[in-house]
Amino acid sequence: RTILDMINEMRTSDYDAWCWNETNTKKDAYFGDALTYDYDL
C-alpha cells in the first residue's frame, strides 16, 4: 500500500510526469490526477 504515494508523487510532479514518444525524440508530458486506492482492485 505504500506504493500508492510513490505513484501519485510521480503523476503530480512537473518533473517526473513524462514518457518518451514512439520515436524517442521527445518527452511527452502526462497530466493526470492522483489515483485513489481501490480495495476491490
PDB file of all heavy atoms in Angstrom:
ATOM      1  N   ARG A   1       0.807  -1.224   0.000  1.00  0.00           N
ATOM      2  CA  ARG A   1       0.000   0.000   0.000  1.00  0.00           C
ATOM      3  C   ARG A   1       0.837   1.270   0.000  1.00  0.00           C
ATOM      4  O   ARG A   1       0.352   2.341  -0.395  1.00  0.00           O
ATOM      5  CB  ARG A   1      -0.950  -0.012   1.205  1.00  0.00           C
ATOM      6  CG  ARG A   1      -2.061  -1.046   1.089  1.00  0.00           C
ATOM      7  CD  ARG A   1      -2.922  -1.106   2.333  1.00  0.00           C
ATOM      8  NE  ARG A   1      -3.985  -2.108   2.188  1.00  0.00           N
ATOM      9  CZ  ARG A   1      -4.878  -2.389   3.131  1.00  0.00           C
ATOM     10  NH1 ARG A   1      -4.840  -1.763   4.304  1.00  0.00           N
ATOM     11  NH2 ARG A   1      -5.808  -3.309   2.919  1.00  0.00           N
ATOM     12  N   THR A   2       2.095   1.174   0.404  1.00  0.00           N
ATOM     13  CA  THR A   2       2.949   2.363   0.417  1.00  0.00           C
ATOM     14  C   THR A   2       3.302   2.829  -0.995  1.00  0.00           C
ATOM     15  O   THR A   2       3.745   3.974  -1.186  1.00  0.00           O
ATOM     16  CB  THR A   2       4.254   2.098   1.196  1.00  0.00           C
ATOM     17  OG1 THR A   2       5.022   1.098   0.506  1.00  0.00           O
ATOM     18  CG2 THR A   2       3.956   1.632   2.614  1.00  0.00           C
ATOM     19  N   ILE A   3       3.107   1.974  -1.970  1.00  0.00           N
ATOM     20  CA  ILE A   3       3.455   2.338  -3.352  1.00  0.00           C
ATOM     21  C   ILE A   3       2.493   3.382  -3.905  1.00  0.00           C
ATOM     22  O   ILE A   3       2.846   4.145  -4.816  1.00  0.00           O
ATOM     23  CB  ILE A   3       3.484   1.074  -4.239  1.00  0.00           C
ATOM     24  CG1 ILE A   3       4.597   0.122  -3.765  1.00  0.00           C
ATOM     25  CG2 ILE A   3       3.683   1.427  -5.711  1.00  0.00           C
ATOM     26  CD1 ILE A   3       4.660  -1.194  -4.531  1.00  0.00           C
ATOM     27  N   LEU A   4       1.268   3.452  -3.377  1.00  0.00           N
ATOM     28  CA  LEU A   4       0.300   4.441  -3.863  1.00  0.00           C
ATOM     29  C   LEU A   4       0.882   5.852  -3.819  1.00  0.00           C
ATOM     30  O   LEU A   4       0.781   6.611  -4.810  1.00  0.00           O
ATOM     31  CB  LEU A   4      -0.980   4.389  -3.030  1.00  0.00           C
ATOM     32  CG  LEU A   4      -2.013   5.486  -3.346  1.00  0.00           C
ATOM     33  CD1 LEU A   4      -2.559   5.315  -4.760  1.00  0.00           C
ATOM     34  CD2 LEU A   4      -3.129   5.491  -2.308  1.00  0.00           C
ATOM     35  N   ASP A   5       1.494   6.233  -2.714  1.00  0.00           N
ATOM     36  CA  ASP A   5       2.061   7.576  -2.592  1.00  0.00           C
ATOM     37  C   ASP A   5       3.200   7.789  -3.592  1.00  0.00           C
ATOM     38  O   ASP A   5       3.376   8.906  -4.118  1.00  0.00           O
ATOM     39  CB  ASP A   5       2.574   7.813  -1.173  1.00  0.00           C
ATOM     40  CG  ASP A   5       1.437   7.933  -0.162  1.00  0.00           C
ATOM     41  OD1 ASP A   5       0.298   8.254  -0.586  1.00  0.00           O
ATOM     42  OD2 ASP A   5       1.686   7.715   1.043  1.00  0.00           O
ATOM     43  N   MET A   6       3.965   6.738  -3.870  1.00  0.00           N
ATOM     44  CA  MET A   6       5.059   6.854  -4.835  1.00  0.00           C
ATOM     45  C   MET A   6       4.509   7.111  -6.238  1.00  0.00           C
ATOM     46  O   MET A   6       5.063   7.921  -7.002  1.00  0.00           O
ATOM     47  CB  MET A   6       5.907   5.576  -4.818  1.00  0.00           C
ATOM     48  CG  MET A   6       6.503   5.217  -3.475  1.00  0.00           C
ATOM     49  SD  MET A   6       7.438   3.665  -3.553  1.00  0.00           S
ATOM     50  CE  MET A   6       7.565   3.251  -1.810  1.00  0.00           C
ATOM     51  N   ILE A   7       3.434   6.420  -6.584  1.00  0.00           N
ATOM     52  CA  ILE A   7       2.815   6.615  -7.899  1.00  0.00           C
ATOM     53  C   ILE A   7       2.273   8.035  -8.022  1.00  0.00           C
ATOM     54  O   ILE A   7       2.518   8.740  -9.020  1.00  0.00           O
ATOM     55  CB  ILE A   7       1.676   5.596  -8.126  1.00  0.00           C
ATOM     56  CG1 ILE A   7       2.217   4.175  -8.144  1.00  0.00           C
ATOM     57  CG2 ILE A   7       0.948   5.895  -9.437  1.00  0.00           C
ATOM     58  CD1 ILE A   7       1.125   3.109  -8.175  1.00  0.00           C
ATOM     59  N   ASN A   8       1.548   8.461  -7.017  1.00  0.00           N
ATOM     60  CA  ASN A   8       0.922   9.788  -7.080  1.00  0.00           C
ATOM     61  C   ASN A   8       1.948  10.915  -7.051  1.00  0.00           C
ATOM     62  O   ASN A   8       1.728  11.986  -7.647  1.00  0.00           O
ATOM     63  CB  ASN A   8      -0.081   9.955  -5.939  1.00  0.00           C
ATOM     64  CG  ASN A   8      -1.359   9.177  -6.194  1.00  0.00           C
ATOM     65  OD1 ASN A   8      -1.715   8.908  -7.346  1.00  0.00           O
ATOM     66  ND2 ASN A   8      -2.062   8.815  -5.123  1.00  0.00           N
ATOM     67  N   GLU A   9       3.057  10.683  -6.389  1.00  0.00           N
ATOM     68  CA  GLU A   9       4.119  11.686  -6.400  1.00  0.00           C
ATOM     69  C   GLU A   9       4.639  11.885  -7.822  1.00  0.00           C
ATOM     70  O   GLU A   9       4.914  13.021  -8.245  1.00  0.00           O
ATOM     71  CB  GLU A   9       5.253  11.251  -5.469  1.00  0.00           C
ATOM     72  CG  GLU A   9       6.387  12.259  -5.382  1.00  0.00           C
ATOM     73  CD  GLU A   9       7.494  11.802  -4.445  1.00  0.00           C
ATOM     74  OE1 GLU A   9       7.326  10.760  -3.774  1.00  0.00           O
ATOM     75  OE2 GLU A   9       8.534  12.489  -4.393  1.00  0.00           O
ATOM     76  N   MET A  10       4.768  10.799  -8.575  1.00  0.00           N
ATOM     77  CA  MET A  10       5.225  10.900  -9.953  1.00  0.00           C
ATOM     78  C   MET A  10       4.138  11.492 -10.857  1.00  0.00           C
ATOM     79  O   MET A  10       4.424  12.334 -11.719  1.00  0.00           O
ATOM     80  CB  MET A  10       5.646   9.519 -10.473  1.00  0.00           C
ATOM     81  CG  MET A  10       6.203   9.553 -11.895  1.00  0.00           C
ATOM     82  SD  MET A  10       6.920   7.985 -12.442  1.00  0.00           S
ATOM     83  CE  MET A  10       5.468   6.958 -12.526  1.00  0.00           C
ATOM     84  N   ARG A  11       2.884  11.082 -10.673  1.00  0.00           N
ATOM     85  CA  ARG A  11       1.791  11.562 -11.526  1.00  0.00           C
ATOM     86  C   ARG A  11       1.560  13.073 -11.393  1.00  0.00           C
ATOM     87  O   ARG A  11       1.160  13.743 -12.361  1.00  0.00           O
ATOM     88  CB  ARG A  11       0.487  10.827 -11.169  1.00  0.00           C
ATOM     89  CG  ARG A  11       0.409   9.409 -11.692  1.00  0.00           C
ATOM     90  CD  ARG A  11      -0.860   8.724 -11.191  1.00  0.00           C
ATOM     91  NE  ARG A  11      -2.063   9.300 -11.787  1.00  0.00           N
ATOM     92  CZ  ARG A  11      -2.676   8.842 -12.892  1.00  0.00           C
ATOM     93  NH1 ARG A  11      -2.186   7.788 -13.537  1.00  0.00           N
ATOM     94  NH2 ARG A  11      -3.775   9.427 -13.342  1.00  0.00           N
ATOM     95  N   THR A  12       1.795  13.600 -10.234  1.00  0.00           N
ATOM     96  CA  THR A  12       1.508  15.023  -9.983  1.00  0.00           C
ATOM     97  C   THR A  12       2.753  15.897 -10.051  1.00  0.00           C
ATOM     98  O   THR A  12       2.692  17.103  -9.759  1.00  0.00           O
ATOM     99  CB  THR A  12       0.846  15.187  -8.602  1.00  0.00           C
ATOM    100  OG1 THR A  12       1.712  14.645  -7.587  1.00  0.00           O
ATOM    101  CG2 THR A  12      -0.495  14.466  -8.561  1.00  0.00           C
ATOM    102  N   SER A  13       3.884  15.317 -10.432  1.00  0.00           N
ATOM    103  CA  SER A  13       5.138  16.082 -10.489  1.00  0.00           C
ATOM    104  C   SER A  13       5.321  16.710 -11.869  1.00  0.00           C
ATOM    105  O   SER A  13       5.133  16.058 -12.903  1.00  0.00           O
ATOM    106  CB  SER A  13       6.316  15.148 -10.180  1.00  0.00           C
ATOM    107  OG  SER A  13       7.545  15.775 -10.468  1.00  0.00           O
ATOM    108  N   ASP A  14       5.715  17.955 -11.896  1.00  0.00           N
ATOM    109  CA  ASP A  14       6.011  18.632 -13.166  1.00  0.00           C
ATOM    110  C   ASP A  14       7.278  18.064 -13.807  1.00  0.00           C
ATOM    111  O   ASP A  14       7.461  18.157 -15.030  1.00  0.00           O
ATOM    112  CB  ASP A  14       6.196  20.137 -12.938  1.00  0.00           C
ATOM    113  CG  ASP A  14       4.909  20.825 -12.509  1.00  0.00           C
ATOM    114  OD1 ASP A  14       3.828  20.288 -12.833  1.00  0.00           O
ATOM    115  OD2 ASP A  14       4.982  21.877 -11.840  1.00  0.00           O
ATOM    116  N   TYR A  15       8.113  17.471 -12.995  1.00  0.00           N
ATOM    117  CA  TYR A  15       9.397  16.976 -13.491  1.00  0.00           C
ATOM    118  C   TYR A  15       9.316  15.515 -13.923  1.00  0.00           C
ATOM    119  O   TYR A  15       9.925  15.115 -14.922  1.00  0.00           O
ATOM    120  CB  TYR A  15      10.462  17.154 -12.402  1.00  0.00           C
ATOM    121  CG  TYR A  15      11.821  16.617 -12.778  1.00  0.00           C
ATOM    122  CD1 TYR A  15      12.660  17.336 -13.629  1.00  0.00           C
ATOM    123  CD2 TYR A  15      12.253  15.390 -12.280  1.00  0.00           C
ATOM    124  CE1 TYR A  15      13.908  16.836 -13.991  1.00  0.00           C
ATOM    125  CE2 TYR A  15      13.500  14.880 -12.627  1.00  0.00           C
ATOM    126  CZ  TYR A  15      14.322  15.598 -13.491  1.00  0.00           C
ATOM    127  OH  TYR A  15      15.557  15.108 -13.840  1.00  0.00           O
ATOM    128  N   ASP A  16       8.578  14.685 -13.174  1.00  0.00           N
ATOM    129  CA  ASP A  16       8.582  13.235 -13.406  1.00  0.00           C
ATOM    130  C   ASP A  16       7.459  12.728 -14.307  1.00  0.00           C
ATOM    131  O   ASP A  16       7.528  11.601 -14.801  1.00  0.00           O
ATOM    132  CB  ASP A  16       8.485  12.495 -12.063  1.00  0.00           C
ATOM    133  CG  ASP A  16       9.760  12.608 -11.247  1.00  0.00           C
ATOM    134  OD1 ASP A  16      10.847  12.689 -11.865  1.00  0.00           O
ATOM    135  OD2 ASP A  16       9.667  12.616 -10.012  1.00  0.00           O
ATOM    136  N   ALA A  17       6.407  13.511 -14.532  1.00  0.00           N
ATOM    137  CA  ALA A  17       5.242  13.007 -15.272  1.00  0.00           C
ATOM    138  C   ALA A  17       5.466  13.123 -16.781  1.00  0.00           C
ATOM    139  O   ALA A  17       4.875  13.957 -17.468  1.00  0.00           O
ATOM    140  CB  ALA A  17       3.989  13.766 -14.842  1.00  0.00           C
ATOM    141  N   TRP A  18       6.305  12.263 -17.322  1.00  0.00           N
ATOM    142  CA  TRP A  18       6.614  12.271 -18.753  1.00  0.00           C
ATOM    143  C   TRP A  18       6.933  10.860 -19.239  1.00  0.00           C
ATOM    144  O   TRP A  18       7.300   9.986 -18.468  1.00  0.00           O
ATOM    145  CB  TRP A  18       7.810  13.192 -19.050  1.00  0.00           C
ATOM    146  CG  TRP A  18       9.082  12.702 -18.374  1.00  0.00           C
ATOM    147  CD1 TRP A  18       9.543  13.064 -17.158  1.00  0.00           C
ATOM    148  CD2 TRP A  18      10.008  11.755 -18.899  1.00  0.00           C
ATOM    149  NE1 TRP A  18      10.706  12.390 -16.843  1.00  0.00           N
ATOM    150  CE2 TRP A  18      11.022  11.580 -17.919  1.00  0.00           C
ATOM    151  CE3 TRP A  18      10.104  11.027 -20.085  1.00  0.00           C
ATOM    152  CZ2 TRP A  18      12.100  10.718 -18.092  1.00  0.00           C
ATOM    153  CZ3 TRP A  18      11.181  10.161 -20.265  1.00  0.00           C
ATOM    154  CH2 TRP A  18      12.176  10.015 -19.270  1.00  0.00           C
ATOM    155  N   CYS A  19       6.841  10.628 -20.522  1.00  0.00           N
ATOM    156  CA  CYS A  19       7.276   9.401 -21.194  1.00  0.00           C
ATOM    157  C   CYS A  19       7.813   9.776 -22.578  1.00  0.00           C
ATOM    158  O   CYS A  19       7.396  10.782 -23.175  1.00  0.00           O
ATOM    159  CB  CYS A  19       6.122   8.430 -21.366  1.00  0.00           C
ATOM    160  SG  CYS A  19       5.521   7.691 -19.848  1.00  0.00           S
ATOM    161  N   TRP A  20       8.692   8.964 -23.092  1.00  0.00           N
ATOM    162  CA  TRP A  20       9.203   9.186 -24.443  1.00  0.00           C
ATOM    163  C   TRP A  20       8.099   8.950 -25.461  1.00  0.00           C
ATOM    164  O   TRP A  20       7.226   8.099 -25.274  1.00  0.00           O
ATOM    165  CB  TRP A  20      10.363   8.252 -24.749  1.00  0.00           C
ATOM    166  CG  TRP A  20      11.670   8.637 -24.089  1.00  0.00           C
ATOM    167  CD1 TRP A  20      12.272   8.014 -23.053  1.00  0.00           C
ATOM    168  CD2 TRP A  20      12.516   9.720 -24.456  1.00  0.00           C
ATOM    169  NE1 TRP A  20      13.446   8.627 -22.718  1.00  0.00           N
ATOM    170  CE2 TRP A  20      13.634   9.698 -23.571  1.00  0.00           C
ATOM    171  CE3 TRP A  20      12.451  10.733 -25.420  1.00  0.00           C
ATOM    172  CZ2 TRP A  20      14.655  10.629 -23.639  1.00  0.00           C
ATOM    173  CZ3 TRP A  20      13.487  11.661 -25.496  1.00  0.00           C
ATOM    174  CH2 TRP A  20      14.575  11.606 -24.609  1.00  0.00           C
ATOM    175  N   ASN A  21       8.166   9.714 -26.569  1.00  0.00           N
ATOM    176  CA  ASN A  21       7.247   9.426 -27.671  1.00  0.00           C
ATOM    177  C   ASN A  21       7.751   8.193 -28.430  1.00  0.00           C
ATOM    178  O   ASN A  21       8.827   7.673 -28.142  1.00  0.00           O
ATOM    179  CB  ASN A  21       7.090  10.634 -28.602  1.00  0.00           C
ATOM    180  CG  ASN A  21       8.402  11.021 -29.274  1.00  0.00           C
ATOM    181  OD1 ASN A  21       9.408  10.323 -29.178  1.00  0.00           O
ATOM    182  ND2 ASN A  21       8.405  12.171 -29.963  1.00  0.00           N
ATOM    183  N   GLU A  22       6.982   7.725 -29.396  1.00  0.00           N
ATOM    184  CA  GLU A  22       7.306   6.470 -30.077  1.00  0.00           C
ATOM    185  C   GLU A  22       8.608   6.530 -30.851  1.00  0.00           C
ATOM    186  O   GLU A  22       9.224   5.490 -31.116  1.00  0.00           O
ATOM    187  CB  GLU A  22       6.154   6.076 -31.001  1.00  0.00           C
ATOM    188  CG  GLU A  22       4.873   5.715 -30.256  1.00  0.00           C
ATOM    189  CD  GLU A  22       3.807   5.160 -31.171  1.00  0.00           C
ATOM    190  OE1 GLU A  22       4.168   4.439 -32.128  1.00  0.00           O
ATOM    191  OE2 GLU A  22       2.628   5.428 -30.928  1.00  0.00           O
ATOM    192  N   THR A  23       9.037   7.712 -31.222  1.00  0.00           N
ATOM    193  CA  THR A  23      10.295   7.839 -31.968  1.00  0.00           C
ATOM    194  C   THR A  23      11.484   8.180 -31.069  1.00  0.00           C
ATOM    195  O   THR A  23      12.612   8.358 -31.556  1.00  0.00           O
ATOM    196  CB  THR A  23      10.151   8.932 -33.046  1.00  0.00           C
ATOM    197  OG1 THR A  23       9.833  10.184 -32.417  1.00  0.00           O
ATOM    198  CG2 THR A  23       9.071   8.551 -34.046  1.00  0.00           C
ATOM    199  N   ASN A  24      11.212   8.235 -29.748  1.00  0.00           N
ATOM    200  CA  ASN A  24      12.258   8.548 -28.769  1.00  0.00           C
ATOM    201  C   ASN A  24      12.945   9.882 -29.041  1.00  0.00           C
ATOM    202  O   ASN A  24      14.138  10.058 -28.757  1.00  0.00           O
ATOM    203  CB  ASN A  24      13.307   7.424 -28.735  1.00  0.00           C
ATOM    204  CG  ASN A  24      12.725   6.111 -28.256  1.00  0.00           C
ATOM    205  OD1 ASN A  24      12.006   6.063 -27.272  1.00  0.00           O
ATOM    206  ND2 ASN A  24      13.036   5.040 -28.987  1.00  0.00           N
ATOM    207  N   THR A  25      12.181  10.851 -29.598  1.00  0.00           N
ATOM    208  CA  THR A  25      12.736  12.179 -29.893  1.00  0.00           C
ATOM    209  C   THR A  25      12.207  13.258 -28.966  1.00  0.00           C
ATOM    210  O   THR A  25      12.720  14.372 -28.944  1.00  0.00           O
ATOM    211  CB  THR A  25      12.402  12.573 -31.352  1.00  0.00           C
ATOM    212  OG1 THR A  25      10.979  12.550 -31.524  1.00  0.00           O
ATOM    213  CG2 THR A  25      13.077  11.618 -32.324  1.00  0.00           C
ATOM    214  N   LYS A  26      11.167  12.923 -28.200  1.00  0.00           N
ATOM    215  CA  LYS A  26      10.549  13.936 -27.354  1.00  0.00           C
ATOM    216  C   LYS A  26       9.950  13.296 -26.114  1.00  0.00           C
ATOM    217  O   LYS A  26       9.394  12.197 -26.171  1.00  0.00           O
ATOM    218  CB  LYS A  26       9.448  14.651 -28.142  1.00  0.00           C
ATOM    219  CG  LYS A  26       8.702  15.712 -27.345  1.00  0.00           C
ATOM    220  CD  LYS A  26       7.562  16.292 -28.178  1.00  0.00           C
ATOM    221  CE  LYS A  26       6.763  17.297 -27.368  1.00  0.00           C
ATOM    222  NZ  LYS A  26       5.595  17.815 -28.143  1.00  0.00           N
ATOM    223  N   LYS A  27      10.054  13.996 -25.004  1.00  0.00           N
ATOM    224  CA  LYS A  27       9.410  13.550 -23.770  1.00  0.00           C
ATOM    225  C   LYS A  27       8.019  14.172 -23.707  1.00  0.00           C
ATOM    226  O   LYS A  27       7.883  15.394 -23.565  1.00  0.00           O
ATOM    227  CB  LYS A  27      10.228  13.964 -22.544  1.00  0.00           C
ATOM    228  CG  LYS A  27      11.548  13.226 -22.398  1.00  0.00           C
ATOM    229  CD  LYS A  27      12.284  13.655 -21.134  1.00  0.00           C
ATOM    230  CE  LYS A  27      13.586  12.896 -20.964  1.00  0.00           C
ATOM    231  NZ  LYS A  27      14.317  13.295 -19.733  1.00  0.00           N
ATOM    232  N   ASP A  28       7.019  13.310 -23.833  1.00  0.00           N
ATOM    233  CA  ASP A  28       5.636  13.789 -23.767  1.00  0.00           C
ATOM    234  C   ASP A  28       5.206  13.925 -22.316  1.00  0.00           C
ATOM    235  O   ASP A  28       5.405  13.017 -21.498  1.00  0.00           O
ATOM    236  CB  ASP A  28       4.698  12.815 -24.469  1.00  0.00           C
ATOM    237  CG  ASP A  28       4.884  12.814 -25.980  1.00  0.00           C
ATOM    238  OD1 ASP A  28       5.376  13.832 -26.507  1.00  0.00           O
ATOM    239  OD2 ASP A  28       4.562  11.781 -26.614  1.00  0.00           O
ATOM    240  N   ALA A  29       4.598  15.063 -22.036  1.00  0.00           N
ATOM    241  CA  ALA A  29       4.099  15.299 -20.670  1.00  0.00           C
ATOM    242  C   ALA A  29       2.774  14.568 -20.469  1.00  0.00           C
ATOM    243  O   ALA A  29       1.939  14.508 -21.368  1.00  0.00           O
ATOM    244  CB  ALA A  29       3.931  16.786 -20.436  1.00  0.00           C
ATOM    245  N   TYR A  30       2.627  13.998 -19.284  1.00  0.00           N
ATOM    246  CA  TYR A  30       1.384  13.317 -18.912  1.00  0.00           C
ATOM    247  C   TYR A  30       0.745  14.112 -17.778  1.00  0.00           C
ATOM    248  O   TYR A  30       1.382  14.375 -16.756  1.00  0.00           O
ATOM    249  CB  TYR A  30       1.673  11.879 -18.453  1.00  0.00           C
ATOM    250  CG  TYR A  30       1.807  10.887 -19.580  1.00  0.00           C
ATOM    251  CD1 TYR A  30       2.827  10.984 -20.518  1.00  0.00           C
ATOM    252  CD2 TYR A  30       0.898   9.843 -19.721  1.00  0.00           C
ATOM    253  CE1 TYR A  30       2.962  10.081 -21.542  1.00  0.00           C
ATOM    254  CE2 TYR A  30       1.014   8.922 -20.750  1.00  0.00           C
ATOM    255  CZ  TYR A  30       2.056   9.050 -21.659  1.00  0.00           C
ATOM    256  OH  TYR A  30       2.166   8.146 -22.693  1.00  0.00           O
ATOM    257  N   PHE A  31      -0.498  14.477 -17.983  1.00  0.00           N
ATOM    258  CA  PHE A  31      -1.192  15.259 -16.962  1.00  0.00           C
ATOM    259  C   PHE A  31      -2.353  14.424 -16.419  1.00  0.00           C
ATOM    260  O   PHE A  31      -3.357  14.212 -17.097  1.00  0.00           O
ATOM    261  CB  PHE A  31      -1.712  16.572 -17.545  1.00  0.00           C
ATOM    262  CG  PHE A  31      -0.617  17.429 -18.103  1.00  0.00           C
ATOM    263  CD1 PHE A  31      -0.360  17.435 -19.468  1.00  0.00           C
ATOM    264  CD2 PHE A  31       0.170  18.199 -17.271  1.00  0.00           C
ATOM    265  CE1 PHE A  31       0.654  18.224 -19.992  1.00  0.00           C
ATOM    266  CE2 PHE A  31       1.197  18.977 -17.789  1.00  0.00           C
ATOM    267  CZ  PHE A  31       1.437  18.998 -19.148  1.00  0.00           C
ATOM    268  N   GLY A  32      -2.168  13.891 -15.234  1.00  0.00           N
ATOM    269  CA  GLY A  32      -3.197  13.063 -14.628  1.00  0.00           C
ATOM    270  C   GLY A  32      -3.384  13.426 -13.170  1.00  0.00           C
ATOM    271  O   GLY A  32      -2.472  13.940 -12.507  1.00  0.00           O
ATOM    272  N   ASP A  33      -4.553  13.132 -12.663  1.00  0.00           N
ATOM    273  CA  ASP A  33      -4.811  13.367 -11.245  1.00  0.00           C
ATOM    274  C   ASP A  33      -4.246  12.220 -10.411  1.00  0.00           C
ATOM    275  O   ASP A  33      -3.910  11.145 -10.921  1.00  0.00           O
ATOM    276  CB  ASP A  33      -6.320  13.474 -11.002  1.00  0.00           C
ATOM    277  CG  ASP A  33      -6.935  14.675 -11.709  1.00  0.00           C
ATOM    278  OD1 ASP A  33      -6.233  15.699 -11.831  1.00  0.00           O
ATOM    279  OD2 ASP A  33      -8.111  14.564 -12.137  1.00  0.00           O
ATOM    280  N   ALA A  34      -4.157  12.467  -9.113  1.00  0.00           N
ATOM    281  CA  ALA A  34      -3.718  11.406  -8.204  1.00  0.00           C
ATOM    282  C   ALA A  34      -4.726  10.248  -8.237  1.00  0.00           C
ATOM    283  O   ALA A  34      -5.932  10.461  -8.371  1.00  0.00           O
ATOM    284  CB  ALA A  34      -3.586  11.957  -6.789  1.00  0.00           C
ATOM    285  N   LEU A  35      -4.214   9.044  -8.146  1.00  0.00           N
ATOM    286  CA  LEU A  35      -5.070   7.861  -8.142  1.00  0.00           C
ATOM    287  C   LEU A  35      -5.651   7.625  -6.752  1.00  0.00           C
ATOM    288  O   LEU A  35      -5.038   7.947  -5.733  1.00  0.00           O
ATOM    289  CB  LEU A  35      -4.270   6.627  -8.559  1.00  0.00           C
ATOM    290  CG  LEU A  35      -3.667   6.624  -9.967  1.00  0.00           C
ATOM    291  CD1 LEU A  35      -2.840   5.368 -10.174  1.00  0.00           C
ATOM    292  CD2 LEU A  35      -4.761   6.736 -11.020  1.00  0.00           C
ATOM    293  N   THR A  36      -6.839   7.054  -6.731  1.00  0.00           N
ATOM    294  CA  THR A  36      -7.483   6.652  -5.475  1.00  0.00           C
ATOM    295  C   THR A  36      -7.233   5.162  -5.262  1.00  0.00           C
ATOM    296  O   THR A  36      -7.284   4.377  -6.210  1.00  0.00           O
ATOM    297  CB  THR A  36      -8.999   6.923  -5.532  1.00  0.00           C
ATOM    298  OG1 THR A  36      -9.216   8.321  -5.762  1.00  0.00           O
ATOM    299  CG2 THR A  36      -9.670   6.504  -4.230  1.00  0.00           C
ATOM    300  N   TYR A  37      -6.974   4.799  -4.010  1.00  0.00           N
ATOM    301  CA  TYR A  37      -6.745   3.385  -3.725  1.00  0.00           C
ATOM    302  C   TYR A  37      -8.084   2.662  -3.682  1.00  0.00           C
ATOM    303  O   TYR A  37      -8.987   3.047  -2.933  1.00  0.00           O
ATOM    304  CB  TYR A  37      -5.998   3.190  -2.405  1.00  0.00           C
ATOM    305  CG  TYR A  37      -5.317   1.847  -2.322  1.00  0.00           C
ATOM    306  CD1 TYR A  37      -4.099   1.637  -2.965  1.00  0.00           C
ATOM    307  CD2 TYR A  37      -5.890   0.783  -1.630  1.00  0.00           C
ATOM    308  CE1 TYR A  37      -3.460   0.400  -2.902  1.00  0.00           C
ATOM    309  CE2 TYR A  37      -5.258  -0.452  -1.564  1.00  0.00           C
ATOM    310  CZ  TYR A  37      -4.040  -0.642  -2.216  1.00  0.00           C
ATOM    311  OH  TYR A  37      -3.423  -1.863  -2.168  1.00  0.00           O
ATOM    312  N   ASP A  38      -8.192   1.584  -4.487  1.00  0.00           N
ATOM    313  CA  ASP A  38      -9.441   0.836  -4.613  1.00  0.00           C
ATOM    314  C   ASP A  38      -9.243  -0.540  -3.968  1.00  0.00           C
ATOM    315  O   ASP A  38      -8.415  -1.339  -4.421  1.00  0.00           O
ATOM    316  CB  ASP A  38      -9.816   0.686  -6.086  1.00  0.00           C
ATOM    317  CG  ASP A  38     -11.212   0.121  -6.280  1.00  0.00           C
ATOM    318  OD1 ASP A  38     -11.599  -0.799  -5.521  1.00  0.00           O
ATOM    319  OD2 ASP A  38     -11.909   0.576  -7.203  1.00  0.00           O
ATOM    320  N   TYR A  39     -10.007  -0.810  -2.914  1.00  0.00           N
ATOM    321  CA  TYR A  39      -9.828  -2.065  -2.174  1.00  0.00           C
ATOM    322  C   TYR A  39     -10.429  -3.262  -2.911  1.00  0.00           C
ATOM    323  O   TYR A  39     -10.077  -4.407  -2.610  1.00  0.00           O
ATOM    324  CB  TYR A  39     -10.381  -1.919  -0.756  1.00  0.00           C
ATOM    325  CG  TYR A  39      -9.523  -0.970   0.054  1.00  0.00           C
ATOM    326  CD1 TYR A  39      -9.809   0.398   0.092  1.00  0.00           C
ATOM    327  CD2 TYR A  39      -8.396  -1.415   0.722  1.00  0.00           C
ATOM    328  CE1 TYR A  39      -9.003   1.281   0.787  1.00  0.00           C
ATOM    329  CE2 TYR A  39      -7.586  -0.546   1.428  1.00  0.00           C
ATOM    330  CZ  TYR A  39      -7.887   0.805   1.451  1.00  0.00           C
ATOM    331  OH  TYR A  39      -7.065   1.673   2.139  1.00  0.00           O
ATOM    332  N   ASP A  40     -11.308  -3.011  -3.883  1.00  0.00           N
ATOM    333  CA  ASP A  40     -11.734  -4.099  -4.773  1.00  0.00           C
ATOM    334  C   ASP A  40     -10.571  -4.522  -5.672  1.00  0.00           C
ATOM    335  O   ASP A  40     -10.321  -5.719  -5.872  1.00  0.00           O
ATOM    336  CB  ASP A  40     -12.915  -3.655  -5.652  1.00  0.00           C
ATOM    337  CG  ASP A  40     -14.212  -3.530  -4.878  1.00  0.00           C
ATOM    338  OD1 ASP A  40     -14.309  -4.124  -3.779  1.00  0.00           O
ATOM    339  OD2 ASP A  40     -15.126  -2.836  -5.369  1.00  0.00           O
ATOM    340  N   LEU A  41      -9.868  -3.533  -6.207  1.00  0.00           N
ATOM    341  CA  LEU A  41      -8.725  -3.839  -7.074  1.00  0.00           C
ATOM    342  C   LEU A  41      -7.583  -4.474  -6.294  1.00  0.00           C
ATOM    343  O   LEU A  41      -6.828  -5.275  -6.832  1.00  0.00           O
ATOM    344  CB  LEU A  41      -8.244  -2.567  -7.778  1.00  0.00           C
ATOM    345  CG  LEU A  41      -9.223  -1.866  -8.727  1.00  0.00           C
ATOM    346  CD1 LEU A  41      -8.502  -0.780  -9.527  1.00  0.00           C
ATOM    347  CD2 LEU A  41      -9.917  -2.845  -9.653  1.00  0.00           C
TER     348      LEU A  41
END
